[in-house]
Amino acid sequence: MARVYQEMHMIENLGAQVKALTTTTNELARSKGLQEERIKKLEIANVDLAKKNEALELRVKADEHNAAARLQNSLRASRTHPAPKPAPSSSNTSTNTPQTTSTPGAPTSKAVSTHPIPLTPLHDTSTNRPIRKLPKHEKDIRTMSPMEVIQALQALGVSTLGMGQGEKKGELRVQIGLPREG
């Protein structure tokens, strides 16, 4: 009889161990499921991060191109239409700099060209591709439709809210690298 009690006790212990192992297996399965969910979320976050990184790279490349294009446009505009020299002020009369006078109608050293200024195209900041319907010459800005101006500014990432049409065209000139008309 002692042997029967011993065997029953062993069976009870084995049953408890099986129950403990089953509980541990279930907890591991649940933990594995949670880990798989976390991995899926991380994979999704990684894909989203890669997309954002790609968009940022496009924007940076477009911004770099646009900065160079603005500089080129600005240089072309300054060569074609030089800024007027400021008039001498009355406070500068005490300096020893010789004063020069110019004769009306006499040729100046910098001739102002009447040719239209060719513009280096700017790129859309979201695609890094040339902006469609951006003017090819400075004079073309005046004939752009209001929608074309808005689309060009939006492609450059400029908000147009609260701006009048003249302000929008002036902002487009600045974004292109030209001085505001005034």
N, C-alpha and C. Protein backbone atom coordinates (compact mmCIF):
# COMPACT_ATOMS: atom_id res chain seq x y z
N MET A 1 0.80 -1.18 0.00
CA MET A 1 0.00 0.00 0.00
C MET A 1 0.86 1.27 0.00
N ALA A 2 1.93 1.20 0.66
CA ALA A 2 2.82 2.33 0.67
C ALA A 2 3.28 2.65 -0.74
N ARG A 3 3.44 1.59 -1.50
CA ARG A 3 3.88 1.77 -2.87
C ARG A 3 2.80 2.49 -3.67
N VAL A 4 1.56 2.19 -3.44
CA VAL A 4 0.44 2.82 -4.15
C VAL A 4 0.41 4.31 -3.80
N TYR A 5 0.61 4.61 -2.49
CA TYR A 5 0.62 6.01 -2.09
C TYR A 5 1.79 6.76 -2.72
N GLN A 6 2.92 6.09 -2.81
CA GLN A 6 4.09 6.69 -3.43
C GLN A 6 3.82 6.97 -4.91
N GLU A 7 3.23 6.03 -5.60
CA GLU A 7 2.94 6.22 -7.02
C GLU A 7 1.91 7.32 -7.23
N MET A 8 0.90 7.38 -6.36
CA MET A 8 -0.10 8.43 -6.47
C MET A 8 0.53 9.80 -6.21
N HIS A 9 1.43 9.83 -5.25
CA HIS A 9 2.11 11.10 -4.96
C HIS A 9 2.98 11.53 -6.15
N MET A 10 3.64 10.58 -6.80
CA MET A 10 4.45 10.87 -7.97
C MET A 10 3.58 11.36 -9.14
N ILE A 11 2.41 10.72 -9.28
CA ILE A 11 1.49 11.13 -10.34
C ILE A 11 0.98 12.54 -10.08
N GLU A 12 0.68 12.85 -8.81
CA GLU A 12 0.22 14.21 -8.47
C GLU A 12 1.33 15.22 -8.75
N ASN A 13 2.58 14.86 -8.39
CA ASN A 13 3.70 15.76 -8.66
C ASN A 13 3.90 15.96 -10.16
N LEU A 14 3.80 14.87 -10.91
CA LEU A 14 3.93 14.98 -12.36
C LEU A 14 2.80 15.83 -12.94
N GLY A 15 1.61 15.67 -12.43
CA GLY A 15 0.47 16.47 -12.88
C GLY A 15 0.69 17.96 -12.59
N ALA A 16 1.24 18.26 -11.41
CA ALA A 16 1.52 19.65 -11.05
C ALA A 16 2.62 20.22 -11.95
N GLN A 17 3.62 19.39 -12.25
CA GLN A 17 4.70 19.84 -13.12
C GLN A 17 4.19 20.06 -14.54
N VAL A 18 3.33 19.16 -15.02
CA VAL A 18 2.74 19.34 -16.35
C VAL A 18 1.91 20.61 -16.38
N LYS A 19 1.15 20.85 -15.32
CA LYS A 19 0.32 22.05 -15.23
C LYS A 19 1.21 23.29 -15.24
N ALA A 20 2.32 23.26 -14.47
CA ALA A 20 3.26 24.39 -14.43
C ALA A 20 3.89 24.61 -15.80
N LEU A 21 4.26 23.52 -16.48
CA LEU A 21 4.85 23.63 -17.81
C LEU A 21 3.84 24.18 -18.82
N THR A 22 2.60 23.76 -18.70
CA THR A 22 1.54 24.27 -19.58
C THR A 22 1.36 25.78 -19.37
N THR A 23 1.35 26.20 -18.12
CA THR A 23 1.21 27.62 -17.79
C THR A 23 2.40 28.41 -18.36
N THR A 24 3.60 27.90 -18.19
CA THR A 24 4.80 28.55 -18.71
C THR A 24 4.76 28.62 -20.23
N THR A 25 4.33 27.52 -20.87
CA THR A 25 4.21 27.50 -22.33
C THR A 25 3.21 28.54 -22.80
N ASN A 26 2.08 28.65 -22.13
CA ASN A 26 1.08 29.66 -22.49
C ASN A 26 1.61 31.07 -22.32
N GLU A 27 2.35 31.31 -21.22
CA GLU A 27 2.93 32.63 -20.98
C GLU A 27 3.97 32.96 -22.05
N LEU A 28 4.78 31.97 -22.43
CA LEU A 28 5.77 32.19 -23.48
C LEU A 28 5.09 32.46 -24.83
N ALA A 29 4.04 31.75 -25.11
CA ALA A 29 3.30 31.98 -26.36
C ALA A 29 2.71 33.38 -26.38
N ARG A 30 2.14 33.81 -25.24
CA ARG A 30 1.57 35.16 -25.14
C ARG A 30 2.69 36.20 -25.30
N SER A 31 3.82 35.95 -24.64
CA SER A 31 4.96 36.85 -24.73
C SER A 31 5.48 36.91 -26.17
N LYS A 32 5.52 35.76 -26.84
CA LYS A 32 5.97 35.71 -28.23
C LYS A 32 5.03 36.53 -29.12
N GLY A 33 3.73 36.41 -28.87
CA GLY A 33 2.75 37.18 -29.62
C GLY A 33 2.95 38.68 -29.42
N LEU A 34 3.21 39.08 -28.18
CA LEU A 34 3.47 40.50 -27.90
C LEU A 34 4.75 40.97 -28.61
N GLN A 35 5.76 40.13 -28.58
CA GLN A 35 7.02 40.48 -29.25
C GLN A 35 6.81 40.60 -30.76
N GLU A 36 6.02 39.70 -31.33
CA GLU A 36 5.74 39.77 -32.77
C GLU A 36 4.99 41.04 -33.12
N GLU A 37 4.04 41.45 -32.25
CA GLU A 37 3.31 42.70 -32.47
C GLU A 37 4.27 43.88 -32.42
N ARG A 38 5.18 43.87 -31.44
CA ARG A 38 6.16 44.95 -31.33
C ARG A 38 7.06 44.99 -32.56
N ILE A 39 7.47 43.83 -33.04
CA ILE A 39 8.32 43.77 -34.23
C ILE A 39 7.57 44.33 -35.44
N LYS A 40 6.28 43.96 -35.59
CA LYS A 40 5.49 44.50 -36.70
C LYS A 40 5.39 46.01 -36.62
N LYS A 41 5.14 46.53 -35.39
CA LYS A 41 5.05 47.98 -35.21
C LYS A 41 6.37 48.65 -35.54
N LEU A 42 7.47 48.03 -35.14
CA LEU A 42 8.79 48.58 -35.46
C LEU A 42 9.07 48.56 -36.96
N GLU A 43 8.64 47.48 -37.62
CA GLU A 43 8.83 47.41 -39.08
C GLU A 43 8.02 48.50 -39.77
N ILE A 44 6.79 48.73 -39.31
CA ILE A 44 5.96 49.78 -39.88
C ILE A 44 6.60 51.14 -39.62
N ALA A 45 7.07 51.35 -38.39
CA ALA A 45 7.73 52.62 -38.05
C ALA A 45 8.99 52.81 -38.89
N ASN A 46 9.71 51.73 -39.14
CA ASN A 46 10.93 51.80 -39.96
C ASN A 46 10.59 52.20 -41.40
N VAL A 47 9.52 51.63 -41.95
CA VAL A 47 9.09 51.99 -43.31
C VAL A 47 8.67 53.46 -43.34
N ASP A 48 7.91 53.90 -42.33
CA ASP A 48 7.49 55.31 -42.27
C ASP A 48 8.71 56.23 -42.15
N LEU A 49 9.66 55.83 -41.35
CA LEU A 49 10.87 56.63 -41.17
C LEU A 49 11.67 56.70 -42.48
N ALA A 50 11.74 55.59 -43.20
CA ALA A 50 12.45 55.57 -44.48
C ALA A 50 11.75 56.51 -45.48
N LYS A 51 10.41 56.51 -45.49
CA LYS A 51 9.67 57.42 -46.38
C LYS A 51 9.94 58.88 -46.01
N LYS A 52 9.92 59.17 -44.71
CA LYS A 52 10.18 60.54 -44.27
C LYS A 52 11.60 60.96 -44.60
N ASN A 53 12.53 60.04 -44.45
CA ASN A 53 13.93 60.32 -44.78
C ASN A 53 14.07 60.61 -46.27
N GLU A 54 13.40 59.82 -47.09
CA GLU A 54 13.44 60.03 -48.54
C GLU A 54 12.85 61.39 -48.91
N ALA A 55 11.73 61.75 -48.27
CA ALA A 55 11.10 63.04 -48.53
C ALA A 55 12.02 64.18 -48.10
N LEU A 56 12.70 63.99 -46.97
CA LEU A 56 13.63 65.01 -46.49
C LEU A 56 14.82 65.15 -47.43
N GLU A 57 15.33 64.04 -47.93
CA GLU A 57 16.43 64.09 -48.89
C GLU A 57 16.01 64.83 -50.15
N LEU A 58 14.80 64.56 -50.64
CA LEU A 58 14.30 65.27 -51.82
C LEU A 58 14.22 66.77 -51.55
N ARG A 59 13.69 67.13 -50.39
CA ARG A 59 13.55 68.54 -50.05
C ARG A 59 14.91 69.23 -49.94
N VAL A 60 15.86 68.55 -49.29
CA VAL A 60 17.20 69.15 -49.15
C VAL A 60 17.85 69.33 -50.52
N LYS A 61 17.75 68.33 -51.38
CA LYS A 61 18.32 68.45 -52.72
C LYS A 61 17.65 69.58 -53.50
N ALA A 62 16.32 69.67 -53.39
CA ALA A 62 15.59 70.74 -54.08
C ALA A 62 15.99 72.10 -53.51
N ASP A 63 16.10 72.19 -52.19
CA ASP A 63 16.50 73.46 -51.57
C ASP A 63 17.91 73.87 -51.99
N GLU A 64 18.82 72.90 -52.08
CA GLU A 64 20.18 73.21 -52.53
C GLU A 64 20.17 73.69 -53.98
N HIS A 65 19.41 72.98 -54.83
CA HIS A 65 19.31 73.41 -56.23
C HIS A 65 18.71 74.81 -56.31
N ASN A 66 17.63 75.04 -55.55
CA ASN A 66 16.94 76.33 -55.60
C ASN A 66 17.83 77.46 -55.10
N ALA A 67 18.66 77.20 -54.10
CA ALA A 67 19.57 78.24 -53.61
C ALA A 67 20.55 78.64 -54.72
N ALA A 68 21.09 77.65 -55.42
CA ALA A 68 22.00 77.95 -56.52
C ALA A 68 21.27 78.67 -57.66
N ALA A 69 20.05 78.24 -57.96
CA ALA A 69 19.27 78.87 -59.03
C ALA A 69 18.93 80.32 -58.66
N ARG A 70 18.58 80.56 -57.40
CA ARG A 70 18.27 81.93 -56.96
C ARG A 70 19.50 82.82 -57.11
N LEU A 71 20.64 82.28 -56.74
CA LEU A 71 21.88 83.04 -56.86
C LEU A 71 22.15 83.38 -58.33
N GLN A 72 22.01 82.40 -59.21
CA GLN A 72 22.21 82.66 -60.64
C GLN A 72 21.23 83.70 -61.15
N ASN A 73 19.96 83.56 -60.77
CA ASN A 73 18.94 84.51 -61.21
C ASN A 73 19.24 85.91 -60.67
N SER A 74 19.68 85.97 -59.43
CA SER A 74 20.01 87.26 -58.82
C SER A 74 21.19 87.92 -59.53
N LEU A 75 22.21 87.11 -59.83
CA LEU A 75 23.37 87.66 -60.54
C LEU A 75 22.98 88.14 -61.93
N ARG A 76 22.18 87.37 -62.63
CA ARG A 76 21.73 87.79 -63.97
C ARG A 76 20.94 89.10 -63.89
N ALA A 77 20.07 89.18 -62.89
CA ALA A 77 19.24 90.38 -62.75
C ALA A 77 20.11 91.58 -62.40
N SER A 78 21.10 91.39 -61.55
CA SER A 78 21.94 92.53 -61.16
C SER A 78 22.83 92.99 -62.32
N ARG A 79 23.23 92.07 -63.20
CA ARG A 79 24.02 92.45 -64.37
C ARG A 79 23.15 93.16 -65.41
N THR A 80 21.91 92.72 -65.51
CA THR A 80 21.02 93.28 -66.52
C THR A 80 20.40 94.59 -66.04
N HIS A 81 20.02 94.63 -64.78
CA HIS A 81 19.40 95.82 -64.18
C HIS A 81 20.17 96.17 -62.91
N PRO A 82 21.31 96.90 -63.02
CA PRO A 82 22.08 97.20 -61.81
C PRO A 82 21.29 98.10 -60.87
N ALA A 83 21.54 97.93 -59.60
CA ALA A 83 20.87 98.75 -58.60
C ALA A 83 21.39 100.18 -58.71
N PRO A 84 20.51 101.17 -58.53
CA PRO A 84 20.97 102.56 -58.61
C PRO A 84 21.87 102.88 -57.43
N LYS A 85 22.89 103.72 -57.70
CA LYS A 85 23.80 104.13 -56.63
C LYS A 85 23.10 105.18 -55.79
N PRO A 86 23.29 105.11 -54.46
CA PRO A 86 22.63 106.10 -53.61
C PRO A 86 23.21 107.49 -53.85
N ALA A 87 22.36 108.50 -53.71
CA ALA A 87 22.79 109.88 -53.88
C ALA A 87 23.68 110.26 -52.71
N PRO A 88 24.70 111.08 -52.97
CA PRO A 88 25.57 111.48 -51.86
C PRO A 88 24.77 112.26 -50.83
N SER A 89 25.04 111.97 -49.56
CA SER A 89 24.30 112.66 -48.51
C SER A 89 25.04 113.94 -48.14
N SER A 90 24.34 114.87 -47.54
CA SER A 90 24.93 116.15 -47.16
C SER A 90 25.91 115.99 -46.01
N SER A 91 25.82 114.90 -45.26
CA SER A 91 26.74 114.69 -44.14
C SER A 91 28.11 114.25 -44.61
N ASN A 92 28.26 113.86 -45.86
CA ASN A 92 29.54 113.40 -46.39
C ASN A 92 30.36 114.54 -47.01
N THR A 93 30.00 115.78 -46.79
CA THR A 93 30.70 116.89 -47.42
C THR A 93 32.06 117.13 -46.80
N SER A 94 32.29 116.65 -45.60
CA SER A 94 33.56 116.89 -44.94
C SER A 94 34.63 115.88 -45.32
N THR A 95 34.31 114.86 -46.08
CA THR A 95 35.31 113.87 -46.47
C THR A 95 36.16 114.41 -47.61
N ASN A 96 37.31 113.84 -47.77
CA ASN A 96 38.24 114.28 -48.81
C ASN A 96 38.05 113.52 -50.11
N THR A 97 36.93 112.83 -50.28
CA THR A 97 36.68 112.07 -51.50
C THR A 97 36.28 113.04 -52.59
N PRO A 98 36.89 112.89 -53.76
CA PRO A 98 36.51 113.80 -54.86
C PRO A 98 35.08 113.52 -55.31
N GLN A 99 34.35 114.56 -55.53
CA GLN A 99 32.97 114.45 -56.01
C GLN A 99 33.00 114.46 -57.53
N THR A 100 32.26 113.51 -58.13
CA THR A 100 32.18 113.48 -59.58
C THR A 100 30.78 113.85 -59.98
N THR A 101 30.68 114.49 -61.06
CA THR A 101 29.37 114.84 -61.59
C THR A 101 29.22 114.20 -62.94
N SER A 102 28.01 113.87 -63.25
CA SER A 102 27.78 113.27 -64.56
C SER A 102 26.91 114.20 -65.37
N THR A 103 27.16 114.19 -66.63
CA THR A 103 26.41 115.02 -67.54
C THR A 103 25.17 114.26 -67.96
N PRO A 104 23.98 114.89 -67.90
CA PRO A 104 22.79 114.18 -68.33
C PRO A 104 22.92 113.75 -69.78
N GLY A 105 22.55 112.50 -70.03
CA GLY A 105 22.61 111.96 -71.38
C GLY A 105 23.95 111.34 -71.71
N ALA A 106 24.94 111.50 -70.83
CA ALA A 106 26.26 110.91 -71.08
C ALA A 106 26.20 109.42 -70.79
N PRO A 107 26.97 108.61 -71.51
CA PRO A 107 26.94 107.17 -71.27
C PRO A 107 27.53 106.84 -69.90
N THR A 108 26.97 105.84 -69.26
CA THR A 108 27.48 105.39 -67.96
C THR A 108 28.32 104.15 -68.17
N SER A 109 29.05 103.78 -67.12
CA SER A 109 29.93 102.61 -67.25
C SER A 109 29.15 101.31 -67.31
N LYS A 110 27.98 101.28 -66.73
CA LYS A 110 27.15 100.06 -66.76
C LYS A 110 25.92 100.34 -67.59
N ALA A 111 25.80 99.67 -68.68
CA ALA A 111 24.63 99.85 -69.54
C ALA A 111 23.52 98.94 -69.06
N VAL A 112 22.31 99.46 -69.05
CA VAL A 112 21.15 98.68 -68.63
C VAL A 112 20.57 98.01 -69.86
N SER A 113 20.42 96.71 -69.79
CA SER A 113 19.91 95.95 -70.92
C SER A 113 18.39 95.89 -70.86
N THR A 114 17.79 95.89 -72.01
CA THR A 114 16.33 95.76 -72.07
C THR A 114 15.94 94.34 -72.44
N HIS A 115 16.91 93.44 -72.58
CA HIS A 115 16.60 92.05 -72.92
C HIS A 115 15.99 91.35 -71.71
N PRO A 116 15.06 90.45 -71.95
CA PRO A 116 14.47 89.73 -70.82
C PRO A 116 15.53 88.85 -70.13
N ILE A 117 15.41 88.77 -68.83
CA ILE A 117 16.36 87.97 -68.06
C ILE A 117 15.93 86.51 -68.11
N PRO A 118 16.77 85.61 -68.67
CA PRO A 118 16.41 84.18 -68.63
C PRO A 118 16.58 83.67 -67.19
N LEU A 119 15.62 82.90 -66.75
CA LEU A 119 15.64 82.42 -65.36
C LEU A 119 16.06 80.95 -65.29
N THR A 120 16.87 80.65 -64.30
CA THR A 120 17.22 79.26 -64.01
C THR A 120 16.01 78.66 -63.31
N PRO A 121 15.50 77.53 -63.78
CA PRO A 121 14.28 76.96 -63.17
C PRO A 121 14.53 76.47 -61.75
N LEU A 122 13.50 76.62 -60.93
CA LEU A 122 13.53 76.12 -59.56
C LEU A 122 12.85 74.76 -59.51
N HIS A 123 13.14 74.01 -58.46
CA HIS A 123 12.56 72.68 -58.30
C HIS A 123 11.52 72.65 -57.21
N ASP A 124 10.52 71.80 -57.40
CA ASP A 124 9.47 71.54 -56.41
C ASP A 124 10.13 70.89 -55.20
N THR A 125 9.86 71.41 -54.01
CA THR A 125 10.53 70.89 -52.81
C THR A 125 10.04 69.51 -52.39
N SER A 126 8.93 69.06 -52.94
CA SER A 126 8.44 67.73 -52.55
C SER A 126 8.85 66.64 -53.54
N THR A 127 9.25 67.04 -54.76
CA THR A 127 9.62 66.04 -55.77
C THR A 127 11.03 66.22 -56.32
N ASN A 128 11.61 67.37 -56.09
CA ASN A 128 12.92 67.75 -56.65
C ASN A 128 12.91 67.70 -58.18
N ARG A 129 11.78 68.02 -58.75
CA ARG A 129 11.66 68.13 -60.21
C ARG A 129 11.35 69.59 -60.54
N PRO A 130 11.71 70.03 -61.75
CA PRO A 130 11.43 71.43 -62.12
C PRO A 130 9.94 71.75 -61.98
N ILE A 131 9.69 72.95 -61.48
CA ILE A 131 8.30 73.40 -61.28
C ILE A 131 7.69 73.70 -62.64
N ARG A 132 6.53 73.10 -62.88
CA ARG A 132 5.83 73.34 -64.15
C ARG A 132 5.26 74.75 -64.16
N LYS A 133 5.23 75.34 -65.31
CA LYS A 133 4.66 76.66 -65.54
C LYS A 133 5.38 77.77 -64.79
N LEU A 134 6.62 77.52 -64.36
CA LEU A 134 7.42 78.59 -63.79
C LEU A 134 7.92 79.43 -64.97
N PRO A 135 7.92 80.74 -64.84
CA PRO A 135 8.31 81.57 -65.99
C PRO A 135 9.75 81.31 -66.43
N LYS A 136 9.95 81.43 -67.73
CA LYS A 136 11.29 81.23 -68.32
C LYS A 136 12.10 82.53 -68.29
N HIS A 137 11.39 83.67 -68.24
CA HIS A 137 12.02 84.98 -68.23
C HIS A 137 11.35 85.84 -67.17
N GLU A 138 12.07 86.83 -66.69
CA GLU A 138 11.55 87.73 -65.66
C GLU A 138 10.24 88.39 -66.10
N LYS A 139 10.16 88.81 -67.34
CA LYS A 139 8.97 89.51 -67.82
C LYS A 139 7.72 88.64 -67.78
N ASP A 140 7.89 87.31 -67.83
CA ASP A 140 6.75 86.40 -67.83
C ASP A 140 6.01 86.35 -66.50
N ILE A 141 6.65 86.80 -65.43
CA ILE A 141 5.99 86.79 -64.11
C ILE A 141 4.75 87.68 -64.14
N ARG A 142 4.85 88.80 -64.86
CA ARG A 142 3.72 89.75 -64.92
C ARG A 142 2.48 89.13 -65.56
N THR A 143 2.67 88.17 -66.47
CA THR A 143 1.54 87.61 -67.21
C THR A 143 1.05 86.29 -66.62
N MET A 144 1.62 85.87 -65.50
CA MET A 144 1.18 84.60 -64.88
C MET A 144 -0.22 84.77 -64.29
N SER A 145 -1.02 83.72 -64.41
CA SER A 145 -2.35 83.76 -63.82
C SER A 145 -2.21 83.63 -62.30
N PRO A 146 -3.22 84.08 -61.55
CA PRO A 146 -3.16 83.96 -60.09
C PRO A 146 -2.96 82.51 -59.63
N MET A 147 -3.60 81.56 -60.31
CA MET A 147 -3.46 80.15 -59.92
C MET A 147 -2.04 79.65 -60.17
N GLU A 148 -1.44 80.08 -61.28
CA GLU A 148 -0.06 79.67 -61.57
C GLU A 148 0.90 80.20 -60.52
N VAL A 149 0.68 81.42 -60.07
CA VAL A 149 1.53 82.01 -59.03
C VAL A 149 1.39 81.22 -57.73
N ILE A 150 0.14 80.93 -57.36
CA ILE A 150 -0.11 80.16 -56.13
C ILE A 150 0.53 78.78 -56.22
N GLN A 151 0.35 78.10 -57.35
CA GLN A 151 0.93 76.76 -57.50
C GLN A 151 2.45 76.80 -57.44
N ALA A 152 3.06 77.80 -58.04
CA ALA A 152 4.52 77.91 -58.01
C ALA A 152 4.99 78.15 -56.58
N LEU A 153 4.32 79.04 -55.85
CA LEU A 153 4.71 79.30 -54.46
C LEU A 153 4.51 78.07 -53.58
N GLN A 154 3.41 77.37 -53.78
CA GLN A 154 3.17 76.15 -53.00
C GLN A 154 4.22 75.09 -53.31
N ALA A 155 4.64 74.99 -54.57
CA ALA A 155 5.68 74.02 -54.94
C ALA A 155 7.00 74.36 -54.25
N LEU A 156 7.18 75.63 -53.92
CA LEU A 156 8.38 76.06 -53.22
C LEU A 156 8.21 76.00 -51.70
N GLY A 157 7.03 75.59 -51.25
CA GLY A 157 6.78 75.46 -49.82
C GLY A 157 6.44 76.77 -49.14
N VAL A 158 5.94 77.75 -49.91
CA VAL A 158 5.60 79.06 -49.37
C VAL A 158 4.09 79.16 -49.19
N SER A 159 3.67 79.55 -48.01
CA SER A 159 2.24 79.73 -47.74
C SER A 159 1.78 81.04 -48.37
N THR A 160 0.61 81.02 -48.98
CA THR A 160 0.08 82.22 -49.63
C THR A 160 -1.14 82.79 -48.89
N LEU A 161 -1.44 82.24 -47.74
CA LEU A 161 -2.61 82.70 -46.99
C LEU A 161 -2.44 84.16 -46.57
N GLY A 162 -3.48 84.93 -46.82
CA GLY A 162 -3.48 86.33 -46.41
C GLY A 162 -2.72 87.26 -47.33
N MET A 163 -2.21 86.77 -48.43
CA MET A 163 -1.46 87.61 -49.38
C MET A 163 -2.37 88.05 -50.51
N GLY A 164 -2.19 89.29 -50.94
CA GLY A 164 -2.88 89.76 -52.13
C GLY A 164 -2.13 89.29 -53.36
N GLN A 165 -2.71 89.46 -54.53
CA GLN A 165 -2.09 88.98 -55.77
C GLN A 165 -0.75 89.65 -56.01
N GLY A 166 -0.67 90.96 -55.75
CA GLY A 166 0.60 91.66 -55.93
C GLY A 166 1.67 91.15 -54.99
N GLU A 167 1.27 90.88 -53.74
CA GLU A 167 2.21 90.34 -52.76
C GLU A 167 2.70 88.95 -53.18
N LYS A 168 1.80 88.16 -53.74
CA LYS A 168 2.17 86.82 -54.19
C LYS A 168 3.19 86.89 -55.32
N LYS A 169 2.95 87.79 -56.27
CA LYS A 169 3.91 87.93 -57.37
C LYS A 169 5.24 88.47 -56.86
N GLY A 170 5.17 89.39 -55.90
CA GLY A 170 6.40 89.90 -55.30
C GLY A 170 7.16 88.81 -54.57
N GLU A 171 6.43 87.96 -53.84
CA GLU A 171 7.07 86.84 -53.14
C GLU A 171 7.65 85.84 -54.13
N LEU A 172 6.96 85.61 -55.24
CA LEU A 172 7.49 84.71 -56.26
C LEU A 172 8.79 85.27 -56.83
N ARG A 173 8.83 86.57 -57.07
CA ARG A 173 10.07 87.20 -57.56
C ARG A 173 11.21 86.96 -56.57
N VAL A 174 10.93 87.15 -55.29
CA VAL A 174 11.97 86.93 -54.27
C VAL A 174 12.41 85.48 -54.24
N GLN A 175 11.44 84.55 -54.32
CA GLN A 175 11.76 83.12 -54.30
C GLN A 175 12.60 82.74 -55.52
N ILE A 176 12.40 83.41 -56.64
CA ILE A 176 13.14 83.13 -57.85
C ILE A 176 14.55 83.72 -57.77
N GLY A 177 14.71 84.77 -56.93
CA GLY A 177 16.02 85.41 -56.80
C GLY A 177 16.06 86.80 -57.39
N LEU A 178 14.88 87.37 -57.66
CA LEU A 178 14.77 88.70 -58.24
C LEU A 178 14.31 89.68 -57.17
N PRO A 179 14.61 90.97 -57.36
CA PRO A 179 14.09 91.94 -56.40
C PRO A 179 12.59 92.14 -56.58
N ARG A 180 11.94 92.50 -55.49
CA ARG A 180 10.50 92.83 -55.59
C ARG A 180 10.36 94.05 -56.49
N GLU A 181 9.29 94.07 -57.25
CA GLU A 181 9.01 95.29 -58.03
C GLU A 181 8.38 96.28 -57.10
N GLY A 182 8.74 97.48 -57.21
CA GLY A 182 8.16 98.38 -56.24
C GLY A 182 7.98 99.70 -56.75
